[in-house]
Amino acid sequence: MTTPSAPSAAAETSPLTGVLTVRPAVAADDLFIDDLQAIAFGPGRFARTAFRVRERFPIDKGLSLVAEVDGVPCGSVWMTPISVDGKNGYLLGPLATHPNFRKRGAGKLLAREVSKRALARGEGSFVLLVGDQDYYCPLGWEITTPGAIQFPGPVDVSRVLLLSDDTALAKSLAGPIAAFKHARA
């Protein structure tokens, strides 16, 4: 007999109200995160260009977060340290929320919190992602110059967004995604 994974628990537990919190991911969350990403993105997730980036550059486990509603895991986010044109930053994603917990703010809370934590370190000056403008731009992300940032595979250039205290960076950052300089171990 197997123990149900956290996404199964999330599928069975979907309170209409509850306290939404964010915490660092721990090793015990690995199965939940793997299952959640499979639910959210399906088998094609391994072919995505952002996955190609994470193959080349490992995620920063210190910037891996889990959202919970009343202690039930319902979402997760990762950050991958990268650089573009010699400037250090982070690639946000994947960001996933269990279908039973969508439209409650977990994804937006995760995106804001992981970005705040990453930029507060002072080691990177931006957070890059590939996502929906309608979702991320109200949170502070800006559209980048189409095609200026080069990914290791195809990407819809209208979905490449950037968050930075330097508001000009979204329009000026250009070049291939490369390794984070002096990345954390």
Protein backbone atom coordinates (compact mmCIF):
# COMPACT_ATOMS: atom_id res chain seq x y z
CA MET A 1 0.00 0.00 0.00
CA THR A 2 1.37 3.40 -0.92
CA THR A 3 0.98 6.61 1.00
CA PRO A 4 -0.98 9.24 -0.92
CA SER A 5 1.12 12.09 -2.23
CA ALA A 6 0.39 15.68 -1.28
CA PRO A 7 -1.34 16.48 -4.61
CA SER A 8 -3.78 13.65 -3.85
CA ALA A 9 -4.40 15.20 -0.44
CA ALA A 10 -4.85 18.57 -2.14
CA ALA A 11 -7.33 17.02 -4.56
CA GLU A 12 -9.39 15.71 -1.64
CA THR A 13 -8.99 18.81 0.54
CA SER A 14 -10.07 22.07 -1.00
CA PRO A 15 -11.35 24.36 1.73
CA LEU A 16 -13.20 27.44 0.52
CA THR A 17 -11.42 29.49 3.14
CA GLY A 18 -8.15 28.98 4.86
CA VAL A 19 -4.88 30.54 5.78
CA LEU A 20 -2.51 30.81 2.83
CA THR A 21 1.17 30.64 3.79
CA VAL A 22 4.50 30.23 2.04
CA ARG A 23 7.49 28.32 3.37
CA PRO A 24 10.82 27.02 2.09
CA ALA A 25 10.59 23.65 0.38
CA VAL A 26 12.26 20.73 2.14
CA ALA A 27 13.36 17.32 0.86
CA ALA A 28 10.05 15.81 2.00
CA ASP A 29 8.31 18.07 -0.57
CA ASP A 30 10.11 16.57 -3.57
CA LEU A 31 7.35 14.05 -4.39
CA PHE A 32 4.65 16.71 -3.97
CA ILE A 33 6.52 19.09 -6.30
CA ASP A 34 7.17 16.39 -8.92
CA ASP A 35 3.53 15.28 -8.85
CA LEU A 36 2.27 18.88 -8.93
CA GLN A 37 4.40 19.75 -11.95
CA ALA A 38 3.13 16.63 -13.74
CA ILE A 39 -0.48 17.67 -13.01
CA ALA A 40 0.11 21.30 -14.01
CA PHE A 41 2.27 20.85 -17.11
CA GLY A 42 1.87 17.23 -18.21
CA PRO A 43 4.49 15.10 -19.95
CA GLY A 44 5.43 17.95 -22.31
CA ARG A 45 7.05 19.86 -19.44
CA PHE A 46 10.42 18.27 -20.21
CA ALA A 47 10.40 19.71 -23.73
CA ARG A 48 9.85 23.31 -22.63
CA THR A 49 12.69 25.77 -23.20
CA ALA A 50 12.70 26.78 -19.51
CA PHE A 51 13.39 23.12 -18.67
CA ARG A 52 16.42 23.29 -21.00
CA VAL A 53 17.72 26.19 -18.89
CA ARG A 54 17.24 24.19 -15.68
CA GLU A 55 19.11 21.26 -17.25
CA ARG A 56 22.12 23.52 -17.81
CA PHE A 57 21.93 25.49 -14.56
CA PRO A 58 20.57 23.96 -11.34
CA ILE A 59 17.77 25.52 -9.35
CA ASP A 60 18.68 27.32 -6.14
CA LYS A 61 17.13 25.10 -3.47
CA GLY A 62 17.21 28.08 -1.09
CA LEU A 63 14.72 29.74 -3.44
CA SER A 64 12.36 26.79 -3.72
CA LEU A 65 9.07 27.60 -1.99
CA VAL A 66 5.83 25.77 -1.22
CA ALA A 67 2.43 27.40 -0.64
CA GLU A 68 -0.01 25.83 1.78
CA VAL A 69 -3.63 26.39 2.77
CA ASP A 70 -4.10 25.43 6.41
CA GLY A 71 -1.01 23.22 6.20
CA VAL A 72 -2.04 21.44 2.97
CA PRO A 73 0.54 21.96 0.19
CA CYS A 74 -1.12 23.59 -2.80
CA GLY A 75 1.63 25.20 -4.90
CA SER A 76 5.34 25.49 -5.55
CA VAL A 77 7.90 27.65 -7.29
CA TRP A 78 11.58 27.36 -8.17
CA MET A 79 14.27 29.84 -9.12
CA THR A 80 17.28 29.16 -11.32
CA PRO A 81 20.27 31.52 -11.07
CA ILE A 82 21.27 32.76 -14.53
CA SER A 83 23.01 35.69 -16.17
CA VAL A 84 22.32 37.68 -19.32
CA ASP A 85 24.90 40.06 -20.78
CA GLY A 86 27.06 39.66 -17.68
CA LYS A 87 24.24 40.63 -15.30
CA ASN A 88 23.17 38.11 -12.68
CA GLY A 89 19.50 37.33 -12.20
CA TYR A 90 17.05 34.49 -11.79
CA LEU A 91 14.68 32.53 -13.99
CA LEU A 92 11.37 32.00 -12.17
CA GLY A 93 9.64 28.71 -12.71
CA PRO A 94 8.06 26.45 -12.84
CA LEU A 95 5.30 28.03 -10.80
CA ALA A 96 2.40 25.65 -10.25
CA THR A 97 -0.77 25.58 -8.17
CA HIS A 98 -2.90 22.48 -7.69
CA PRO A 99 -6.13 22.82 -9.75
CA ASN A 100 -8.28 22.63 -6.60
CA PHE A 101 -6.53 25.67 -5.14
CA ARG A 102 -6.36 27.96 -8.15
CA LYS A 103 -7.84 31.48 -8.12
CA ARG A 104 -7.01 31.92 -4.41
CA GLY A 105 -3.77 33.86 -4.77
CA ALA A 106 -1.24 31.11 -4.07
CA GLY A 107 0.57 31.51 -7.41
CA LYS A 108 0.81 35.29 -7.13
CA LEU A 109 1.96 35.04 -3.51
CA LEU A 110 4.65 32.53 -4.51
CA ALA A 111 5.82 34.69 -7.44
CA ARG A 112 6.04 37.82 -5.28
CA GLU A 113 7.70 36.11 -2.33
CA VAL A 114 10.34 34.15 -4.24
CA SER A 115 11.23 37.26 -6.28
CA LYS A 116 11.47 39.40 -3.15
CA ARG A 117 13.75 36.83 -1.49
CA ALA A 118 15.95 36.46 -4.57
CA LEU A 119 16.44 40.17 -5.16
CA ALA A 120 16.97 40.87 -1.45
CA ARG A 121 20.13 38.77 -1.58
CA GLY A 122 21.76 41.49 -3.66
CA GLU A 123 23.42 38.94 -5.96
CA GLY A 124 21.06 39.36 -8.91
CA SER A 125 19.34 42.38 -10.37
CA PHE A 126 16.37 40.82 -12.15
CA VAL A 127 13.84 37.99 -12.25
CA LEU A 128 13.04 36.67 -15.72
CA LEU A 129 10.17 34.40 -16.68
CA VAL A 130 8.16 33.15 -19.61
CA GLY A 131 4.50 33.70 -18.78
CA ASP A 132 1.22 35.45 -19.36
CA GLN A 133 1.36 39.24 -19.43
CA ASP A 134 -2.14 39.50 -17.93
CA TYR A 135 -1.02 37.50 -14.89
CA TYR A 136 2.49 38.85 -14.24
CA CYS A 137 2.51 42.47 -15.45
CA PRO A 138 0.09 43.62 -12.70
CA LEU A 139 2.63 42.14 -10.24
CA GLY A 140 5.42 44.37 -11.62
CA TRP A 141 6.90 42.34 -14.47
CA GLU A 142 7.56 44.17 -17.72
CA ILE A 143 7.68 43.04 -21.32
CA THR A 144 11.23 42.64 -22.60
CA THR A 145 12.46 43.69 -26.03
CA PRO A 146 11.21 40.87 -28.28
CA GLY A 147 13.98 38.44 -29.14
CA ALA A 148 16.68 40.30 -27.17
CA ILE A 149 17.12 37.59 -24.54
CA GLN A 150 18.15 34.33 -26.17
CA PHE A 151 16.92 31.07 -24.69
CA PRO A 152 18.35 27.60 -25.47
CA GLY A 153 15.32 26.74 -27.58
CA PRO A 154 12.16 28.28 -28.98
CA VAL A 155 10.18 30.68 -26.84
CA ASP A 156 7.23 32.99 -27.50
CA VAL A 157 9.06 36.34 -27.28
CA SER A 158 5.85 38.15 -26.27
CA ARG A 159 5.83 36.07 -23.06
CA VAL A 160 9.38 36.92 -21.89
CA LEU A 161 8.92 39.20 -18.89
CA LEU A 162 11.32 40.80 -16.42
CA LEU A 163 11.07 42.20 -12.89
CA SER A 164 13.77 44.57 -11.64
CA ASP A 165 14.23 47.70 -9.58
CA ASP A 166 15.94 49.07 -12.70
CA THR A 167 12.91 49.82 -14.88
CA ALA A 168 15.08 50.31 -17.98
CA LEU A 169 16.50 46.79 -17.75
CA ALA A 170 13.47 45.14 -19.37
CA LYS A 171 14.17 47.06 -22.57
CA SER A 172 17.99 46.99 -22.46
CA LEU A 173 18.88 43.47 -21.33
CA ALA A 174 20.04 41.38 -24.28
CA GLY A 175 22.04 38.27 -25.00
CA PRO A 176 22.02 34.54 -24.35
CA ILE A 177 21.13 33.03 -20.99
CA ALA A 178 24.37 31.98 -19.33
CA ALA A 179 25.69 30.78 -15.98
CA PHE A 180 25.22 32.90 -12.87
CA LYS A 181 28.53 34.49 -11.93
CA HIS A 182 29.80 33.22 -8.58
CA ALA A 183 26.66 31.16 -8.07
CA ARG A 184 25.81 29.90 -4.61
CA ALA A 185 26.83 26.34 -3.93
